[in-house]
Amino acid sequence: MVEKRDKRLLFGFYLSGDITSSIEKALEYQKRLGKKINIISLYFSWGEDLNPDISGIEKVIGEGFIPMITWEPWRIPKSESEKIHPENQPDFSLEQILKGRYDDYIKRWAFGLKKLSKSIFFRPMHEMNGNWYPWCGRINGNDPKKFIEAWRYIKSIFKEVGCNRLIWVWSPYAHSVPEEKGNEIELYYPGSQEIDWMALDGYNWGVSKEWSSWQNFIDIFKKGYEILIRLSKDKPIMIGEIGCAEDGGDKGEWILDTFRALKIKFSKIKALVWFNIKKECDWRIESSEKVFESFRSGLKEWIS
């Protein structure tokens, strides 16, 4: 069972959009890595997941894992035009949430999650300082103030129905996109009383994109990490999403350097969740045998 102030070092994966496949893969990884996997990351969108999959989430709990639900107010883009501008969904602006348009939906989820047998991580509206989701602060008429209001509004509904099993995770991207005045990470902070954990998401895209270059863990996370520490000195921090591309450097060495940095320079980070799928890049730790062995070795060094 996870506590709001858990002292352990935790790690886990996002493995699949399917809960059963995620459990099977996590059990396989536990054997291959020789380490207990703590967290299985799950994503649910408001446009598709009209009711919480309580039985599926309970299966994750029953296998000894902690579910982390990333809760996304949008419709997952299907057409090519939607994929070009996935953020262009005014129906899911923060203003629509604050006007009560989704109250019934939020309550349905709150009542469902209230039934869970154990506490879970709950990560709504992540990466709000980016520009790729309809709840992000620089699009759809949104701004940081509205984000904070929407966060508190959603949380008040969960509190109203007595849903107390959730560990609320506030999770900006490691650097703001765009990096401009009015979009700074700290402007989105809802307050220490509104969250239990803080998180950062970030990726080494290597040279896989025109705009990207090879970056180490410190390049990606140092600035955001320092901001989070300034915001709260006592909240535990997790890496909510992380991955490394193959192109532009040595992925295995990158992973080893990441775990060394976590141990030496990022002592307040208490959990890490690897985004382990082949999507924009091959983020998986089994993209090669060398990469997998590097992950196994680095993980053992971090969680000794």
C-alpha atoms as a PDB file:
ATOM      1  CA  MET A   1       0.000   0.000   0.000  1.00  0.00           C
ATOM      2  CA  VAL A   2       1.265   3.462  -0.858  1.00  0.00           C
ATOM      3  CA  GLU A   3       1.065   6.353   1.579  1.00  0.00           C
ATOM      4  CA  LYS A   4       0.897  10.055   0.776  1.00  0.00           C
ATOM      5  CA  ARG A   5       4.358  10.474   2.336  1.00  0.00           C
ATOM      6  CA  ASP A   6       5.825   7.128   1.279  1.00  0.00           C
ATOM      7  CA  LYS A   7       9.538   6.931   2.162  1.00  0.00           C
ATOM      8  CA  ARG A   8      10.418   4.161  -0.300  1.00  0.00           C
ATOM      9  CA  LEU A   9      11.932   4.651  -3.733  1.00  0.00           C
ATOM     10  CA  LEU A  10       9.238   3.563  -6.173  1.00  0.00           C
ATOM     11  CA  PHE A  11       9.431   2.764  -9.860  1.00  0.00           C
ATOM     12  CA  GLY A  12       7.086   1.595 -12.545  1.00  0.00           C
ATOM     13  CA  PHE A  13       6.053   1.690 -16.170  1.00  0.00           C
ATOM     14  CA  TYR A  14       3.456   2.700 -18.672  1.00  0.00           C
ATOM     15  CA  LEU A  15       3.298  -0.503 -20.708  1.00  0.00           C
ATOM     16  CA  SER A  16       0.075  -0.659 -22.708  1.00  0.00           C
ATOM     17  CA  GLY A  17      -3.344   0.886 -23.194  1.00  0.00           C
ATOM     18  CA  ASP A  18      -4.788  -2.453 -22.089  1.00  0.00           C
ATOM     19  CA  ILE A  19      -4.856  -3.235 -18.367  1.00  0.00           C
ATOM     20  CA  THR A  20      -4.493  -7.013 -18.714  1.00  0.00           C
ATOM     21  CA  SER A  21      -1.495  -6.635 -21.041  1.00  0.00           C
ATOM     22  CA  SER A  22       0.044  -4.102 -18.658  1.00  0.00           C
ATOM     23  CA  ILE A  23      -0.194  -6.523 -15.739  1.00  0.00           C
ATOM     24  CA  GLU A  24       1.263  -9.410 -17.760  1.00  0.00           C
ATOM     25  CA  LYS A  25       4.171  -7.288 -18.970  1.00  0.00           C
ATOM     26  CA  ALA A  26       4.852  -5.923 -15.476  1.00  0.00           C
ATOM     27  CA  LEU A  27       4.987  -9.438 -14.022  1.00  0.00           C
ATOM     28  CA  GLU A  28       7.400 -10.473 -16.778  1.00  0.00           C
ATOM     29  CA  TYR A  29       9.603  -7.421 -16.145  1.00  0.00           C
ATOM     30  CA  GLN A  30       9.736  -8.117 -12.425  1.00  0.00           C
ATOM     31  CA  LYS A  31      11.340 -11.474 -13.146  1.00  0.00           C
ATOM     32  CA  ARG A  32      13.748 -10.138 -15.749  1.00  0.00           C
ATOM     33  CA  LEU A  33      14.790  -7.065 -13.756  1.00  0.00           C
ATOM     34  CA  GLY A  34      14.967  -8.814 -10.400  1.00  0.00           C
ATOM     35  CA  LYS A  35      13.199  -5.888  -8.751  1.00  0.00           C
ATOM     36  CA  LYS A  36       9.681  -5.299  -7.482  1.00  0.00           C
ATOM     37  CA  ILE A  37       7.686  -3.033  -9.794  1.00  0.00           C
ATOM     38  CA  ASN A  38       5.587  -0.653  -7.744  1.00  0.00           C
ATOM     39  CA  ILE A  39       3.579   1.436 -10.210  1.00  0.00           C
ATOM     40  CA  ILE A  40       1.556   0.609 -13.316  1.00  0.00           C
ATOM     41  CA  SER A  41       0.625   3.761 -15.201  1.00  0.00           C
ATOM     42  CA  LEU A  42      -2.817   3.950 -16.828  1.00  0.00           C
ATOM     43  CA  TYR A  43      -4.328   6.674 -19.037  1.00  0.00           C
ATOM     44  CA  PHE A  44      -8.020   7.501 -19.275  1.00  0.00           C
ATOM     45  CA  SER A  45      -9.564  10.213 -21.465  1.00  0.00           C
ATOM     46  CA  TRP A  46     -12.830  11.981 -20.715  1.00  0.00           C
ATOM     47  CA  GLY A  47     -14.003  11.595 -24.313  1.00  0.00           C
ATOM     48  CA  GLU A  48     -13.657   7.794 -24.420  1.00  0.00           C
ATOM     49  CA  ASP A  49     -13.667   6.455 -20.871  1.00  0.00           C
ATOM     50  CA  LEU A  50     -17.144   7.420 -19.716  1.00  0.00           C
ATOM     51  CA  ASN A  51     -16.989   5.239 -16.609  1.00  0.00           C
ATOM     52  CA  PRO A  52     -14.009   4.167 -14.494  1.00  0.00           C
ATOM     53  CA  ASP A  53     -12.847   0.600 -15.067  1.00  0.00           C
ATOM     54  CA  ILE A  54     -12.981  -0.284 -11.380  1.00  0.00           C
ATOM     55  CA  SER A  55     -12.608  -4.029 -11.929  1.00  0.00           C
ATOM     56  CA  GLY A  56      -9.537  -3.461 -14.108  1.00  0.00           C
ATOM     57  CA  ILE A  57      -7.961  -1.048 -11.634  1.00  0.00           C
ATOM     58  CA  GLU A  58      -8.652  -3.533  -8.831  1.00  0.00           C
ATOM     59  CA  LYS A  59      -6.857  -6.232 -10.842  1.00  0.00           C
ATOM     60  CA  VAL A  60      -3.765  -4.020 -10.847  1.00  0.00           C
ATOM     61  CA  ILE A  61      -4.081  -3.590  -7.073  1.00  0.00           C
ATOM     62  CA  GLY A  62      -4.706  -7.311  -6.608  1.00  0.00           C
ATOM     63  CA  GLU A  63      -1.415  -8.170  -8.334  1.00  0.00           C
ATOM     64  CA  GLY A  64       0.442  -5.996  -5.841  1.00  0.00           C
ATOM     65  CA  PHE A  65       0.926  -2.900  -8.002  1.00  0.00           C
ATOM     66  CA  ILE A  66      -0.052   0.717  -7.375  1.00  0.00           C
ATOM     67  CA  PRO A  67      -2.153   2.123 -10.224  1.00  0.00           C
ATOM     68  CA  MET A  68      -1.380   5.642 -11.373  1.00  0.00           C
ATOM     69  CA  ILE A  69      -4.288   7.116 -13.288  1.00  0.00           C
ATOM     70  CA  THR A  70      -3.499   9.950 -15.664  1.00  0.00           C
ATOM     71  CA  TRP A  71      -6.878  11.603 -16.238  1.00  0.00           C
ATOM     72  CA  GLU A  72      -7.147  13.560 -19.483  1.00  0.00           C
ATOM     73  CA  PRO A  73      -9.985  15.987 -20.341  1.00  0.00           C
ATOM     74  CA  TRP A  74     -10.049  15.467 -24.125  1.00  0.00           C
ATOM     75  CA  ARG A  75     -11.010  13.165 -26.975  1.00  0.00           C
ATOM     76  CA  ILE A  76      -8.058  11.156 -28.252  1.00  0.00           C
ATOM     77  CA  PRO A  77      -7.411  12.408 -31.825  1.00  0.00           C
ATOM     78  CA  LYS A  78      -8.397   9.903 -34.502  1.00  0.00           C
ATOM     79  CA  SER A  79      -8.217  11.645 -37.898  1.00  0.00           C
ATOM     80  CA  GLU A  80      -5.020  12.956 -39.461  1.00  0.00           C
ATOM     81  CA  SER A  81      -6.225  16.562 -39.157  1.00  0.00           C
ATOM     82  CA  GLU A  82      -6.985  16.055 -35.468  1.00  0.00           C
ATOM     83  CA  LYS A  83      -3.518  14.614 -34.920  1.00  0.00           C
ATOM     84  CA  ILE A  84      -1.900  17.732 -36.429  1.00  0.00           C
ATOM     85  CA  HIS A  85      -3.605  19.939 -33.841  1.00  0.00           C
ATOM     86  CA  PRO A  86      -4.731  17.599 -31.034  1.00  0.00           C
ATOM     87  CA  GLU A  87      -5.088  20.540 -28.652  1.00  0.00           C
ATOM     88  CA  ASN A  88      -7.837  22.164 -30.749  1.00  0.00           C
ATOM     89  CA  GLN A  89     -10.797  20.921 -28.684  1.00  0.00           C
ATOM     90  CA  PRO A  90     -12.652  23.942 -27.244  1.00  0.00           C
ATOM     91  CA  ASP A  91     -15.279  21.632 -25.725  1.00  0.00           C
ATOM     92  CA  PHE A  92     -12.607  20.640 -23.208  1.00  0.00           C
ATOM     93  CA  SER A  93     -11.356  24.105 -22.318  1.00  0.00           C
ATOM     94  CA  LEU A  94     -10.864  24.833 -18.631  1.00  0.00           C
ATOM     95  CA  GLU A  95     -13.766  27.268 -18.808  1.00  0.00           C
ATOM     96  CA  GLN A  96     -16.118  24.428 -19.796  1.00  0.00           C
ATOM     97  CA  ILE A  97     -14.998  22.435 -16.748  1.00  0.00           C
ATOM     98  CA  LEU A  98     -15.531  25.440 -14.478  1.00  0.00           C
ATOM     99  CA  LYS A  99     -19.004  26.064 -15.933  1.00  0.00           C
ATOM    100  CA  GLY A 100     -20.052  22.607 -14.722  1.00  0.00           C
ATOM    101  CA  ARG A 101     -20.393  20.980 -18.128  1.00  0.00           C
ATOM    102  CA  TYR A 102     -18.644  17.823 -16.895  1.00  0.00           C
ATOM    103  CA  ASP A 103     -19.918  17.703 -13.316  1.00  0.00           C
ATOM    104  CA  ASP A 104     -21.898  14.500 -13.826  1.00  0.00           C
ATOM    105  CA  TYR A 105     -18.915  12.841 -15.463  1.00  0.00           C
ATOM    106  CA  ILE A 106     -16.542  13.907 -12.684  1.00  0.00           C
ATOM    107  CA  LYS A 107     -18.972  12.679 -10.023  1.00  0.00           C
ATOM    108  CA  ARG A 108     -19.334   9.325 -11.791  1.00  0.00           C
ATOM    109  CA  TRP A 109     -15.586   8.825 -11.615  1.00  0.00           C
ATOM    110  CA  ALA A 110     -15.392  10.060  -8.034  1.00  0.00           C
ATOM    111  CA  PHE A 111     -18.070   7.616  -6.892  1.00  0.00           C
ATOM    112  CA  GLY A 112     -16.351   4.804  -8.805  1.00  0.00           C
ATOM    113  CA  LEU A 113     -12.854   5.449  -7.464  1.00  0.00           C
ATOM    114  CA  LYS A 114     -14.285   5.783  -3.979  1.00  0.00           C
ATOM    115  CA  LYS A 115     -14.932   2.017  -4.088  1.00  0.00           C
ATOM    116  CA  LEU A 116     -11.262   1.078  -4.535  1.00  0.00           C
ATOM    117  CA  SER A 117      -9.727  -1.127  -1.868  1.00  0.00           C
ATOM    118  CA  LYS A 118      -6.419   0.777  -1.667  1.00  0.00           C
ATOM    119  CA  SER A 119      -4.960   4.203  -2.380  1.00  0.00           C
ATOM    120  CA  ILE A 120      -3.800   5.035  -5.905  1.00  0.00           C
ATOM    121  CA  PHE A 121      -1.895   7.838  -7.597  1.00  0.00           C
ATOM    122  CA  PHE A 122      -4.231  10.221  -9.438  1.00  0.00           C
ATOM    123  CA  ARG A 123      -2.708  12.592 -12.007  1.00  0.00           C
ATOM    124  CA  PRO A 124      -5.285  14.855 -13.663  1.00  0.00           C
ATOM    125  CA  MET A 125      -4.509  17.388 -16.415  1.00  0.00           C
ATOM    126  CA  HIS A 126      -0.768  16.663 -16.635  1.00  0.00           C
ATOM    127  CA  GLU A 127       1.724  18.717 -18.692  1.00  0.00           C
ATOM    128  CA  MET A 128      -0.481  21.786 -18.369  1.00  0.00           C
ATOM    129  CA  ASN A 129       2.439  24.095 -19.212  1.00  0.00           C
ATOM    130  CA  GLY A 130       2.765  22.601 -22.699  1.00  0.00           C
ATOM    131  CA  ASN A 131       0.747  23.471 -25.788  1.00  0.00           C
ATOM    132  CA  TRP A 132      -0.405  20.048 -26.967  1.00  0.00           C
ATOM    133  CA  TYR A 133      -3.486  19.325 -24.832  1.00  0.00           C
ATOM    134  CA  PRO A 134      -6.795  21.228 -24.696  1.00  0.00           C
ATOM    135  CA  TRP A 135      -6.337  21.949 -20.978  1.00  0.00           C
ATOM    136  CA  CYS A 136      -2.895  23.515 -21.487  1.00  0.00           C
ATOM    137  CA  GLY A 137      -2.557  27.054 -20.238  1.00  0.00           C
ATOM    138  CA  ARG A 138      -1.780  28.900 -23.492  1.00  0.00           C
ATOM    139  CA  ILE A 139      -4.596  27.630 -25.728  1.00  0.00           C
ATOM    140  CA  ASN A 140      -8.411  27.390 -25.798  1.00  0.00           C
ATOM    141  CA  GLY A 141      -8.722  30.608 -23.802  1.00  0.00           C
ATOM    142  CA  ASN A 142      -6.979  28.922 -20.864  1.00  0.00           C
ATOM    143  CA  ASP A 143      -4.480  30.473 -18.491  1.00  0.00           C
ATOM    144  CA  PRO A 144      -2.667  29.366 -15.317  1.00  0.00           C
ATOM    145  CA  LYS A 145      -5.271  30.937 -13.050  1.00  0.00           C
ATOM    146  CA  LYS A 146      -8.060  28.958 -14.726  1.00  0.00           C
ATOM    147  CA  PHE A 147      -5.989  25.792 -14.422  1.00  0.00           C
ATOM    148  CA  ILE A 148      -5.677  26.268 -10.668  1.00  0.00           C
ATOM    149  CA  GLU A 149      -9.400  26.980 -10.414  1.00  0.00           C
ATOM    150  CA  ALA A 150     -10.221  23.865 -12.470  1.00  0.00           C
ATOM    151  CA  TRP A 151      -7.903  21.710 -10.345  1.00  0.00           C
ATOM    152  CA  ARG A 152      -9.525  22.897  -7.133  1.00  0.00           C
ATOM    153  CA  TYR A 153     -12.992  22.578  -8.669  1.00  0.00           C
ATOM    154  CA  ILE A 154     -12.419  18.945  -9.680  1.00  0.00           C
ATOM    155  CA  LYS A 155     -10.886  18.099  -6.332  1.00  0.00           C
ATOM    156  CA  SER A 156     -13.806  19.679  -4.471  1.00  0.00           C
ATOM    157  CA  ILE A 157     -16.216  17.342  -6.277  1.00  0.00           C
ATOM    158  CA  PHE A 158     -14.168  14.296  -5.277  1.00  0.00           C
ATOM    159  CA  LYS A 159     -14.104  15.552  -1.704  1.00  0.00           C
ATOM    160  CA  GLU A 160     -17.847  16.176  -1.770  1.00  0.00           C
ATOM    161  CA  VAL A 161     -18.582  12.526  -2.607  1.00  0.00           C
ATOM    162  CA  GLY A 162     -16.098  11.250  -0.018  1.00  0.00           C
ATOM    163  CA  CYS A 163     -13.489   9.895  -2.425  1.00  0.00           C
ATOM    164  CA  ASN A 164     -10.423   9.851  -0.191  1.00  0.00           C
ATOM    165  CA  ARG A 165      -8.379   7.024  -1.737  1.00  0.00           C
ATOM    166  CA  LEU A 166      -6.522   9.264  -4.160  1.00  0.00           C
ATOM    167  CA  ILE A 167      -2.967  10.548  -3.929  1.00  0.00           C
ATOM    168  CA  TRP A 168      -3.150  13.736  -5.995  1.00  0.00           C
ATOM    169  CA  VAL A 169      -0.166  14.212  -8.314  1.00  0.00           C
ATOM    170  CA  TRP A 170       0.461  17.632  -9.875  1.00  0.00           C
ATOM    171  CA  SER A 171       2.572  16.990 -12.967  1.00  0.00           C
ATOM    172  CA  PRO A 172       3.915  19.769 -15.222  1.00  0.00           C
ATOM    173  CA  TYR A 173       6.266  19.150 -18.129  1.00  0.00           C
ATOM    174  CA  ALA A 174       9.941  19.581 -17.214  1.00  0.00           C
ATOM    175  CA  HIS A 175      10.119  22.824 -19.207  1.00  0.00           C
ATOM    176  CA  SER A 176       7.340  25.045 -20.471  1.00  0.00           C
ATOM    177  CA  VAL A 177       6.356  25.070 -24.145  1.00  0.00           C
ATOM    178  CA  PRO A 178       6.402  27.847 -25.143  1.00  0.00           C
ATOM    179  CA  GLU A 179       8.979  29.149 -22.694  1.00  0.00           C
ATOM    180  CA  GLU A 180       7.576  32.629 -22.286  1.00  0.00           C
ATOM    181  CA  LYS A 181       6.295  34.982 -19.624  1.00  0.00           C
ATOM    182  CA  GLY A 182       2.943  33.834 -18.280  1.00  0.00           C
ATOM    183  CA  ASN A 183       3.620  30.145 -18.904  1.00  0.00           C
ATOM    184  CA  GLU A 184       6.120  29.435 -16.132  1.00  0.00           C
ATOM    185  CA  ILE A 185       5.696  26.154 -14.233  1.00  0.00           C
ATOM    186  CA  GLU A 186       5.195  27.862 -10.886  1.00  0.00           C
ATOM    187  CA  LEU A 187       2.157  29.801 -12.134  1.00  0.00           C
ATOM    188  CA  TYR A 188       0.204  26.536 -12.363  1.00  0.00           C
ATOM    189  CA  TYR A 189       0.859  25.412  -8.794  1.00  0.00           C
ATOM    190  CA  PRO A 190      -2.523  24.908  -7.055  1.00  0.00           C
ATOM    191  CA  GLY A 191      -1.050  25.056  -3.536  1.00  0.00           C
ATOM    192  CA  SER A 192       0.459  22.555  -1.122  1.00  0.00           C
ATOM    193  CA  GLN A 193      -2.904  21.851   0.466  1.00  0.00           C
ATOM    194  CA  GLU A 194      -4.295  20.749  -2.918  1.00  0.00           C
ATOM    195  CA  ILE A 195      -1.692  18.122  -3.831  1.00  0.00           C
ATOM    196  CA  ASP A 196       0.106  15.145  -2.286  1.00  0.00           C
ATOM    197  CA  TRP A 197       2.964  14.601  -4.755  1.00  0.00           C
ATOM    198  CA  MET A 198       4.646  16.714  -7.423  1.00  0.00           C
ATOM    199  CA  ALA A 199       5.899  15.266 -10.704  1.00  0.00           C
ATOM    200  CA  LEU A 200       7.797  16.165 -13.849  1.00  0.00           C
ATOM    201  CA  ASP A 201       7.534  14.632 -17.314  1.00  0.00           C
ATOM    202  CA  GLY A 202      10.423  14.819 -19.754  1.00  0.00           C
ATOM    203  CA  TYR A 203      12.066  12.970 -22.646  1.00  0.00           C
ATOM    204  CA  ASN A 204      15.377  12.772 -24.454  1.00  0.00           C
ATOM    205  CA  TRP A 205      14.233  12.981 -28.066  1.00  0.00           C
ATOM    206  CA  GLY A 206      17.794  12.698 -29.346  1.00  0.00           C
ATOM    207  CA  VAL A 207      17.995  13.829 -32.981  1.00  0.00           C
ATOM    208  CA  SER A 208      14.695  12.163 -33.914  1.00  0.00           C
ATOM    209  CA  LYS A 209      13.024  15.546 -34.605  1.00  0.00           C
ATOM    210  CA  GLU A 210      14.104  18.692 -36.444  1.00  0.00           C
ATOM    211  CA  TRP A 211      13.853  20.668 -33.218  1.00  0.00           C
ATOM    212  CA  SER A 212      15.508  18.142 -30.879  1.00  0.00           C
ATOM    213  CA  SER A 213      19.044  17.310 -29.747  1.00  0.00           C
ATOM    214  CA  TRP A 214      20.632  14.730 -27.456  1.00  0.00           C
ATOM    215  CA  GLN A 215      20.110  15.776 -23.813  1.00  0.00           C
ATOM    216  CA  ASN A 216      21.050  14.055 -20.589  1.00  0.00           C
ATOM    217  CA  PHE A 217      18.808  13.746 -17.533  1.00  0.00           C
ATOM    218  CA  ILE A 218      20.268  16.862 -15.913  1.00  0.00           C
ATOM    219  CA  ASP A 219      19.718  18.918 -19.091  1.00  0.00           C
ATOM    220  CA  ILE A 220      16.067  17.895 -19.135  1.00  0.00           C
ATOM    221  CA  PHE A 221      15.047  17.943 -15.491  1.00  0.00           C
ATOM    222  CA  LYS A 222      17.350  20.207 -13.435  1.00  0.00           C
ATOM    223  CA  LYS A 223      15.500  23.497 -13.961  1.00  0.00           C
ATOM    224  CA  GLY A 224      12.046  22.031 -13.329  1.00  0.00           C
ATOM    225  CA  TYR A 225      13.299  20.082 -10.313  1.00  0.00           C
ATOM    226  CA  GLU A 226      14.665  23.237  -8.722  1.00  0.00           C
ATOM    227  CA  ILE A 227      11.360  25.027  -9.317  1.00  0.00           C
ATOM    228  CA  LEU A 228       9.417  22.218  -7.626  1.00  0.00           C
ATOM    229  CA  ILE A 229      11.698  22.299  -4.594  1.00  0.00           C
ATOM    230  CA  ARG A 230      11.136  26.048  -4.281  1.00  0.00           C
ATOM    231  CA  LEU A 231       7.376  25.520  -4.445  1.00  0.00           C
ATOM    232  CA  SER A 232       7.365  22.907  -1.668  1.00  0.00           C
ATOM    233  CA  LYS A 233      10.236  21.612   0.395  1.00  0.00           C
ATOM    234  CA  ASP A 234       8.323  18.656   1.840  1.00  0.00           C
ATOM    235  CA  LYS A 235       6.245  17.196  -1.016  1.00  0.00           C
ATOM    236  CA  PRO A 236       7.709  14.027  -2.567  1.00  0.00           C
ATOM    237  CA  ILE A 237       8.616  14.295  -6.246  1.00  0.00           C
ATOM    238  CA  MET A 238       8.246  11.703  -8.991  1.00  0.00           C
ATOM    239  CA  ILE A 239       9.229  11.507 -12.629  1.00  0.00           C
ATOM    240  CA  GLY A 240       5.771  10.854 -14.049  1.00  0.00           C
ATOM    241  CA  GLU A 241       6.967  10.099 -17.587  1.00  0.00           C
ATOM    242  CA  ILE A 242      10.451   9.568 -18.973  1.00  0.00           C
ATOM    243  CA  GLY A 243      11.960   7.960 -22.040  1.00  0.00           C
ATOM    244  CA  CYS A 244      15.007   8.052 -24.286  1.00  0.00           C
ATOM    245  CA  ALA A 245      15.205   7.843 -28.074  1.00  0.00           C
ATOM    246  CA  GLU A 246      17.760   5.721 -29.914  1.00  0.00           C
ATOM    247  CA  ASP A 247      18.998   8.344 -32.381  1.00  0.00           C
ATOM    248  CA  GLY A 248      21.836  10.688 -31.517  1.00  0.00           C
ATOM    249  CA  GLY A 249      23.714   8.935 -28.730  1.00  0.00           C
ATOM    250  CA  ASP A 250      24.130   5.841 -26.591  1.00  0.00           C
ATOM    251  CA  LYS A 251      20.771   5.025 -24.998  1.00  0.00           C
ATOM    252  CA  GLY A 252      22.238   2.437 -22.634  1.00  0.00           C
ATOM    253  CA  GLU A 253      24.799   4.905 -21.256  1.00  0.00           C
ATOM    254  CA  TRP A 254      22.084   7.552 -21.019  1.00  0.00           C
ATOM    255  CA  ILE A 255      20.044   5.259 -18.773  1.00  0.00           C
ATOM    256  CA  LEU A 256      23.031   4.463 -16.543  1.00  0.00           C
ATOM    257  CA  ASP A 257      23.837   8.175 -16.240  1.00  0.00           C
ATOM    258  CA  THR A 258      20.192   8.874 -15.375  1.00  0.00           C
ATOM    259  CA  PHE A 259      20.138   6.487 -12.431  1.00  0.00           C
ATOM    260  CA  ARG A 260      23.493   7.835 -11.204  1.00  0.00           C
ATOM    261  CA  ALA A 261      22.155  11.391 -11.366  1.00  0.00           C
ATOM    262  CA  LEU A 262      19.013  10.384  -9.473  1.00  0.00           C
ATOM    263  CA  LYS A 263      21.107   8.914  -6.687  1.00  0.00           C
ATOM    264  CA  ILE A 264      23.661  11.713  -6.400  1.00  0.00           C
ATOM    265  CA  LYS A 265      21.955  14.961  -7.453  1.00  0.00           C
ATOM    266  CA  PHE A 266      18.180  14.432  -7.299  1.00  0.00           C
ATOM    267  CA  SER A 267      17.630  12.978  -3.844  1.00  0.00           C
ATOM    268  CA  LYS A 268      14.107  14.377  -3.501  1.00  0.00           C
ATOM    269  CA  ILE A 269      12.862  12.274  -6.422  1.00  0.00           C
ATOM    270  CA  LYS A 270      11.166   9.292  -4.800  1.00  0.00           C
ATOM    271  CA  ALA A 271       9.528   7.619  -7.809  1.00  0.00           C
ATOM    272  CA  LEU A 272      10.140   7.125 -11.521  1.00  0.00           C
ATOM    273  CA  VAL A 273       7.701   5.874 -14.169  1.00  0.00           C
ATOM    274  CA  TRP A 274       9.209   4.881 -17.519  1.00  0.00           C
ATOM    275  CA  PHE A 275       7.069   5.482 -20.639  1.00  0.00           C
ATOM    276  CA  ASN A 276       7.723   2.069 -22.140  1.00  0.00           C
ATOM    277  CA  ILE A 277       6.061   1.983 -25.539  1.00  0.00           C
ATOM    278  CA  LYS A 278       7.048   2.506 -29.165  1.00  0.00           C
ATOM    279  CA  LYS A 279       5.244   5.703 -30.090  1.00  0.00           C
ATOM    280  CA  GLU A 280       6.878   8.881 -31.463  1.00  0.00           C
ATOM    281  CA  CYS A 281      10.182   7.096 -30.778  1.00  0.00           C
ATOM    282  CA  ASP A 282      11.077   3.680 -29.471  1.00  0.00           C
ATOM    283  CA  TRP A 283      11.073   4.635 -25.793  1.00  0.00           C
ATOM    284  CA  ARG A 284      11.141   1.017 -24.587  1.00  0.00           C
ATOM    285  CA  ILE A 285      13.839  -0.358 -22.324  1.00  0.00           C
ATOM    286  CA  GLU A 286      13.960  -3.484 -24.512  1.00  0.00           C
ATOM    287  CA  SER A 287      14.703  -1.553 -27.716  1.00  0.00           C
ATOM    288  CA  SER A 288      17.942  -3.563 -27.548  1.00  0.00           C
ATOM    289  CA  GLU A 289      19.453  -6.119 -25.186  1.00  0.00           C
ATOM    290  CA  LYS A 290      22.174  -3.659 -24.199  1.00  0.00           C
ATOM    291  CA  VAL A 291      19.589  -1.035 -23.277  1.00  0.00           C
ATOM    292  CA  PHE A 292      17.671  -3.533 -21.153  1.00  0.00           C
ATOM    293  CA  GLU A 293      20.815  -4.606 -19.303  1.00  0.00           C
ATOM    294  CA  SER A 294      21.721  -0.969 -18.709  1.00  0.00           C
ATOM    295  CA  PHE A 295      18.293  -0.349 -17.222  1.00  0.00           C
ATOM    296  CA  ARG A 296      18.532  -3.421 -15.007  1.00  0.00           C
ATOM    297  CA  SER A 297      21.986  -2.410 -13.780  1.00  0.00           C
ATOM    298  CA  GLY A 298      21.077   1.243 -13.259  1.00  0.00           C
ATOM    299  CA  LEU A 299      17.881   0.416 -11.413  1.00  0.00           C
ATOM    300  CA  LYS A 300      19.790  -1.891  -9.084  1.00  0.00           C
ATOM    301  CA  GLU A 301      22.244   0.944  -8.386  1.00  0.00           C
ATOM    302  CA  TRP A 302      19.445   3.433  -7.614  1.00  0.00           C
ATOM    303  CA  ILE A 303      17.334   1.071  -5.505  1.00  0.00           C
ATOM    304  CA  SER A 304      20.065  -0.870  -3.718  1.00  0.00           C
END
